[in-house]
Structure formats: C-alpha cells, structure tokens
Amino acid sequence: MHAACYRGALFGAYFLLAAVPIGVWNQTLFNLINAAHSTWGDALLGFISGFGDGLVIALIISCVMLFRLRLGIAALLGFITSGLIAQLLKRVFDMPRPPAVLENVHVLGAALQSHSFPSGHATSCGVMMLLALLLWRRDQWQMWAGVVVFVLAAYGRVYGGVHFPFDVWVGVGLGMFCMSVAKHWVMRWPEIMWQKRTWETSEWAWKVPAVILMIEAAVLGLGYKIQPSTADMLTLFVPVAALFVLMQFWKRKFSSV
C-alpha cells in the first residue's frame, strides 16, 4: 500500500512538473500539433476523438460494471466527479479556444470558441486511461490498446483544433486523480449488504448496470449528436459492441447457473 502511494505521489510530481513547460510553450506546441495534419490523420483522430464523448465513456463504464463492479463504480464516480470539476473550472476561467484567438486553425467538427480550460474530453480520457491500467496487467494487449486509444482521443482534441495542450494535460491529470481517489474509496466499501449477503453478488449488482447499459446504447444509437461530429460512426459501433458484451455476459452467467 505504501509503495503504491509512493508511486502515485511520484507520478503526480512528474505530472505537475511537466505541466510547467507545457504551459509556457502552450501556443507553440499547439501550432506544431495542429499544423501536422493529413488526410489519414483527420480520418483516424477524427474518429478516435469521439471516445472521449461523455455518453461513450458512460456506456463503456457500464460494460465494465458487469464484470468488475467495484472498479466500474469507481470509474463512474471518477468520471462524474472529474466532469463536474472540469465544468466548474470552465466557467470560472472561461478561456477562449484556439479558433477564437488564432488564425488558420485546422478544426475537426465544430469550431468551438469558449470554455477551453480544462478539456472535458481529456478529463474523461484520463479516467479511462487509469481504468485500463487497473483492469488488465501490463503484459496484456488489452491494457495497452485501452491506454493508446484514450491517449489518442485526448491528443485529438489538440490536433482537431478545439483545445490547447495545457487544457488537455490538466484534463487528463484531473481525470486520473479523481479516478485514483474514487478507486481507493470504493475498494474500502464493506462487502456485507443485508441478510449476510454481499452487495456484489446480489442480482441487483448486474441487473442495474445491464439496464443502464441498454438505455445508454439506445440513446447513443438513436440520433445522439456525438462530439466531435467527425466520430459519427461511433454512434453505431459502440452501442452494437456494448450490446454484444451484454449478450456474452448473459450467456456466461446463465450457462453457469
């Protein structure tokens, strides 16, 4: 436990130190990243950036809750908490976005103007990066795939011209911090619910996430306007993938009864 706390504190210190040069060369870094666009880059990052959308994140977390309930609850709390903090900071600082202060910005999706700091998408991505690290071991490809997808989704906010690098860096840090705090809190919850039954093994432990998953999949697949709009294909792909995961969960659960 002490080793984990030490590693977390060390990572936090490095993260904060790295924020200084990013903040100093914020606009220069933005110009370098945003100017390095291409047709394939637009297609790839325009699609992957959609993984930072709030409803997409919520749907993925619902899938996790079916198999790892405590960790899924921690991710949900981290996602909600970091999102609320990010929205509060957006209103407090009200920083302009790149298209509002720079010329010739390469934009994917809508050219947003205000509430730049911090990036809400990157905040959600930070939660999911840490979730991927906690879900799988370092020698499993799923962990690396999850981290890479959400790193690219956060990077895509700069590439797509809607955030400065400092917005994204702070957002990722905020998401990871809230996820870490939520994880340590949820893991300490007692197991006993009532009548000597553990809440994790009750029928409600999987029925509630399953119902929420189906509702989220329906909303996402039936006319939801994803951000950025270049990721429209996710409104079809993610709900289908989530319902497939749910079917596999049901198959495994009822075959073992």
Protein backbone atom coordinates (compact mmCIF):
# COMPACT_ATOMS: atom_id res chain seq x y z
CA MET A 1 0.00 0.00 0.00
CA HIS A 2 2.82 2.38 0.94
CA ALA A 3 4.66 1.51 -2.29
CA ALA A 4 1.52 2.25 -4.32
CA CYS A 5 1.09 5.60 -2.56
CA TYR A 6 4.75 6.42 -3.17
CA ARG A 7 4.47 5.59 -6.87
CA GLY A 8 1.28 7.65 -7.12
CA ALA A 9 2.90 10.64 -5.42
CA LEU A 10 5.97 10.36 -7.66
CA PHE A 11 3.80 10.18 -10.77
CA GLY A 12 1.82 13.20 -9.59
CA ALA A 13 5.03 15.17 -9.03
CA TYR A 14 6.31 14.35 -12.52
CA PHE A 15 2.91 15.24 -13.98
CA LEU A 16 2.89 18.64 -12.28
CA LEU A 17 6.49 19.36 -13.30
CA ALA A 18 5.68 18.56 -16.93
CA ALA A 19 2.75 21.00 -16.78
CA VAL A 20 5.16 23.92 -16.41
CA PRO A 21 6.89 23.70 -19.84
CA ILE A 22 3.61 22.73 -21.48
CA GLY A 23 2.01 25.87 -20.07
CA VAL A 24 4.96 28.06 -21.07
CA TRP A 25 5.06 26.79 -24.68
CA ASN A 26 1.32 26.18 -24.88
CA GLN A 27 0.64 28.03 -28.13
CA THR A 28 3.87 26.84 -29.79
CA LEU A 29 3.03 23.21 -29.03
CA PHE A 30 -0.50 23.75 -30.31
CA ASN A 31 0.79 25.13 -33.61
CA LEU A 32 3.18 22.20 -34.06
CA ILE A 33 0.50 19.58 -33.38
CA ASN A 34 -2.38 21.25 -35.18
CA ALA A 35 -0.34 22.09 -38.28
CA ALA A 36 0.84 18.48 -38.72
CA HIS A 37 -2.47 17.35 -40.19
CA SER A 38 -3.11 14.98 -43.04
CA THR A 39 -5.99 13.14 -44.66
CA TRP A 40 -5.31 9.90 -42.78
CA GLY A 41 -4.72 11.82 -39.56
CA ASP A 42 -8.07 13.58 -39.92
CA ALA A 43 -9.82 10.25 -40.50
CA LEU A 44 -8.11 8.41 -37.64
CA LEU A 45 -8.10 11.10 -34.95
CA GLY A 46 -11.46 12.47 -36.04
CA PHE A 47 -12.89 9.03 -35.27
CA ILE A 48 -10.89 8.19 -32.13
CA SER A 49 -11.56 11.60 -30.53
CA GLY A 50 -15.16 10.50 -30.16
CA PHE A 51 -14.13 8.01 -27.48
CA GLY A 52 -13.81 10.98 -25.13
CA ASP A 53 -17.50 11.85 -25.50
CA GLY A 54 -19.36 11.62 -22.20
CA LEU A 55 -22.04 9.14 -23.28
CA VAL A 56 -19.48 6.87 -24.95
CA ILE A 57 -17.44 6.86 -21.72
CA ALA A 58 -20.55 6.14 -19.62
CA LEU A 59 -21.51 3.22 -21.86
CA ILE A 60 -18.02 1.69 -21.64
CA ILE A 61 -18.08 2.05 -17.85
CA SER A 62 -21.45 0.26 -17.73
CA CYS A 63 -19.84 -2.66 -19.58
CA VAL A 64 -17.03 -2.75 -17.03
CA MET A 65 -19.53 -2.79 -14.16
CA LEU A 66 -20.95 -6.09 -15.41
CA PHE A 67 -17.63 -7.86 -14.84
CA ARG A 68 -15.75 -5.73 -12.28
CA LEU A 69 -18.44 -3.99 -10.28
CA ARG A 70 -16.28 -2.16 -7.73
CA LEU A 71 -13.85 -0.90 -10.33
CA GLY A 72 -16.72 0.11 -12.60
CA ILE A 73 -18.37 2.06 -9.78
CA ALA A 74 -15.04 3.75 -9.05
CA ALA A 75 -14.72 4.72 -12.72
CA LEU A 76 -18.28 6.06 -12.74
CA LEU A 77 -17.65 8.16 -9.63
CA GLY A 78 -14.32 9.37 -11.01
CA PHE A 79 -15.98 10.23 -14.32
CA ILE A 80 -18.83 12.17 -12.69
CA THR A 81 -16.63 13.96 -10.15
CA SER A 82 -13.92 14.97 -12.61
CA GLY A 83 -16.57 16.06 -15.11
CA LEU A 84 -18.26 18.32 -12.58
CA ILE A 85 -14.93 19.84 -11.53
CA ALA A 86 -13.96 20.38 -15.17
CA GLN A 87 -17.25 22.13 -15.92
CA LEU A 88 -16.82 24.35 -12.86
CA LEU A 89 -13.28 25.30 -13.91
CA LYS A 90 -14.51 26.02 -17.44
CA ARG A 91 -16.99 28.55 -16.07
CA VAL A 92 -14.54 30.08 -13.61
CA PHE A 93 -11.69 30.64 -16.09
CA ASP A 94 -13.75 30.90 -19.31
CA MET A 95 -10.64 30.63 -21.50
CA PRO A 96 -11.02 31.07 -25.29
CA ARG A 97 -10.44 28.10 -27.57
CA PRO A 98 -7.85 28.17 -30.37
CA PRO A 99 -10.25 29.23 -33.18
CA ALA A 100 -11.22 32.29 -31.12
CA VAL A 101 -7.68 33.64 -30.80
CA LEU A 102 -5.68 32.11 -33.66
CA GLU A 103 -5.95 32.17 -37.43
CA ASN A 104 -5.86 29.23 -39.83
CA VAL A 105 -6.67 26.64 -37.16
CA HIS A 106 -7.30 23.18 -38.58
CA VAL A 107 -10.60 22.14 -36.99
CA LEU A 108 -12.30 18.75 -36.94
CA GLY A 109 -16.00 19.14 -36.22
CA ALA A 110 -17.43 22.41 -34.90
CA ALA A 111 -15.15 25.43 -34.40
CA LEU A 112 -15.84 25.97 -30.70
CA GLN A 113 -14.97 29.35 -29.18
CA SER A 114 -15.17 29.37 -25.37
CA HIS A 115 -14.71 27.33 -22.17
CA SER A 116 -11.41 25.83 -23.28
CA PHE A 117 -9.75 25.11 -19.91
CA PRO A 118 -9.68 22.28 -18.98
CA SER A 119 -10.67 19.81 -21.70
CA GLY A 120 -13.72 17.81 -20.65
CA HIS A 121 -12.96 15.10 -23.20
CA ALA A 122 -9.39 14.80 -21.91
CA THR A 123 -10.67 14.62 -18.33
CA SER A 124 -12.83 11.63 -19.24
CA CYS A 125 -9.89 10.10 -21.13
CA GLY A 126 -7.75 10.40 -18.00
CA VAL A 127 -10.30 8.37 -16.07
CA MET A 128 -10.31 5.70 -18.76
CA MET A 129 -6.51 5.56 -19.05
CA LEU A 130 -6.20 4.70 -15.37
CA LEU A 131 -9.14 2.30 -15.62
CA ALA A 132 -7.34 0.39 -18.40
CA LEU A 133 -4.20 0.20 -16.24
CA LEU A 134 -6.26 -1.23 -13.37
CA LEU A 135 -8.35 -3.64 -15.42
CA TRP A 136 -5.51 -5.56 -17.05
CA ARG A 137 -1.90 -6.50 -16.37
CA ARG A 138 0.95 -4.81 -18.19
CA ASP A 139 1.63 -7.92 -20.26
CA GLN A 140 -1.92 -7.95 -21.66
CA TRP A 141 -2.55 -6.29 -25.02
CA GLN A 142 -5.97 -5.05 -23.86
CA MET A 143 -4.32 -2.71 -21.37
CA TRP A 144 -2.06 -1.17 -23.99
CA ALA A 145 -4.89 -0.90 -26.51
CA GLY A 146 -7.11 0.89 -23.98
CA VAL A 147 -4.40 3.33 -22.95
CA VAL A 148 -3.39 4.10 -26.55
CA VAL A 149 -6.99 4.71 -27.66
CA PHE A 150 -7.63 7.25 -24.90
CA VAL A 151 -4.22 8.89 -25.25
CA LEU A 152 -5.01 9.42 -28.94
CA ALA A 153 -8.52 10.62 -28.08
CA ALA A 154 -7.04 13.27 -25.77
CA TYR A 155 -4.32 14.18 -28.30
CA GLY A 156 -7.03 14.53 -30.93
CA ARG A 157 -8.50 17.49 -29.07
CA VAL A 158 -5.35 19.47 -29.89
CA TYR A 159 -4.99 18.02 -33.37
CA GLY A 160 -8.66 18.83 -34.01
CA GLY A 161 -8.19 22.48 -33.06
CA VAL A 162 -10.58 22.68 -30.10
CA HIS A 163 -8.11 22.73 -27.17
CA PHE A 164 -4.63 23.87 -26.30
CA PRO A 165 -2.12 21.27 -25.00
CA PHE A 166 -2.31 22.70 -21.46
CA ASP A 167 -6.11 22.21 -21.44
CA VAL A 168 -5.64 18.57 -22.35
CA TRP A 169 -2.74 17.94 -19.96
CA VAL A 170 -4.64 19.35 -16.97
CA GLY A 171 -7.80 17.50 -18.02
CA VAL A 172 -6.01 14.14 -18.17
CA GLY A 173 -4.39 14.77 -14.79
CA LEU A 174 -7.71 15.75 -13.23
CA GLY A 175 -9.39 12.62 -14.57
CA MET A 176 -6.64 10.30 -13.36
CA PHE A 177 -6.59 11.93 -9.92
CA CYS A 178 -10.36 11.64 -9.45
CA MET A 179 -10.30 8.03 -10.66
CA SER A 180 -7.49 7.18 -8.24
CA VAL A 181 -9.30 8.72 -5.28
CA ALA A 182 -12.59 7.03 -6.22
CA LYS A 183 -10.86 3.66 -6.63
CA HIS A 184 -9.24 3.78 -3.18
CA TRP A 185 -12.56 4.81 -1.61
CA VAL A 186 -14.74 2.22 -3.35
CA MET A 187 -12.31 -0.63 -2.68
CA ARG A 188 -12.74 0.00 1.04
CA TRP A 189 -16.51 -0.36 1.00
CA PRO A 190 -17.73 -3.24 3.19
CA GLU A 191 -18.92 -6.38 1.43
CA ILE A 192 -21.96 -7.16 3.59
CA MET A 193 -25.20 -5.65 2.31
CA TRP A 194 -28.13 -7.13 4.24
CA GLN A 195 -29.17 -10.55 5.49
CA LYS A 196 -25.49 -11.55 5.34
CA ARG A 197 -25.44 -11.24 1.54
CA THR A 198 -22.72 -9.33 -0.24
CA TRP A 199 -24.00 -6.49 -2.40
CA GLU A 200 -21.54 -7.51 -5.11
CA THR A 201 -23.19 -10.90 -5.59
CA SER A 202 -26.81 -9.77 -5.38
CA GLU A 203 -28.97 -9.84 -8.51
CA TRP A 204 -29.15 -6.04 -8.48
CA ALA A 205 -25.37 -5.90 -8.88
CA TRP A 206 -25.68 -6.93 -12.52
CA LYS A 207 -29.29 -6.02 -13.32
CA VAL A 208 -28.85 -2.29 -12.67
CA PRO A 209 -25.73 -1.92 -14.87
CA ALA A 210 -27.42 -4.04 -17.56
CA VAL A 211 -30.50 -1.79 -17.66
CA ILE A 212 -28.36 1.35 -17.65
CA LEU A 213 -26.25 -0.10 -20.48
CA MET A 214 -29.30 -0.78 -22.62
CA ILE A 215 -30.67 2.73 -22.06
CA GLU A 216 -27.31 4.34 -22.89
CA ALA A 217 -26.92 2.17 -26.01
CA ALA A 218 -30.40 3.17 -27.19
CA VAL A 219 -29.77 6.90 -26.64
CA LEU A 220 -26.37 6.75 -28.35
CA GLY A 221 -27.67 4.79 -31.31
CA LEU A 222 -30.89 6.73 -31.89
CA GLY A 223 -29.91 10.19 -33.04
CA TYR A 224 -27.36 11.24 -30.42
CA LYS A 225 -25.07 14.05 -31.62
CA ILE A 226 -21.58 12.96 -30.72
CA GLN A 227 -18.65 15.30 -30.12
CA PRO A 228 -16.77 15.74 -32.36
CA SER A 229 -19.13 15.18 -35.25
CA THR A 230 -16.31 13.51 -37.21
CA ALA A 231 -16.81 10.47 -34.95
CA ASP A 232 -20.42 9.83 -36.04
CA MET A 233 -19.62 6.18 -36.79
CA LEU A 234 -19.17 5.57 -33.06
CA THR A 235 -22.91 6.07 -32.54
CA LEU A 236 -23.36 2.79 -34.42
CA PHE A 237 -20.21 0.91 -33.47
CA VAL A 238 -20.19 1.48 -29.68
CA PRO A 239 -23.85 0.56 -28.97
CA VAL A 240 -23.55 -2.63 -31.03
CA ALA A 241 -20.30 -3.55 -29.28
CA ALA A 242 -21.83 -2.84 -25.85
CA LEU A 243 -24.91 -4.97 -26.56
CA PHE A 244 -22.62 -7.77 -27.76
CA VAL A 245 -20.72 -7.56 -24.46
CA LEU A 246 -24.04 -7.71 -22.59
CA MET A 247 -25.10 -10.79 -24.55
CA GLN A 248 -21.80 -12.51 -23.76
CA PHE A 249 -22.25 -11.65 -20.08
CA TRP A 250 -25.76 -13.12 -20.03
CA LYS A 251 -24.57 -16.23 -21.85
CA ARG A 252 -21.77 -16.80 -19.37
CA LYS A 253 -23.93 -16.03 -16.35
CA PHE A 254 -26.91 -18.23 -17.18
CA SER A 255 -24.81 -21.09 -18.52
CA SER A 256 -23.17 -21.35 -15.10
CA VAL A 257 -26.49 -21.46 -13.21
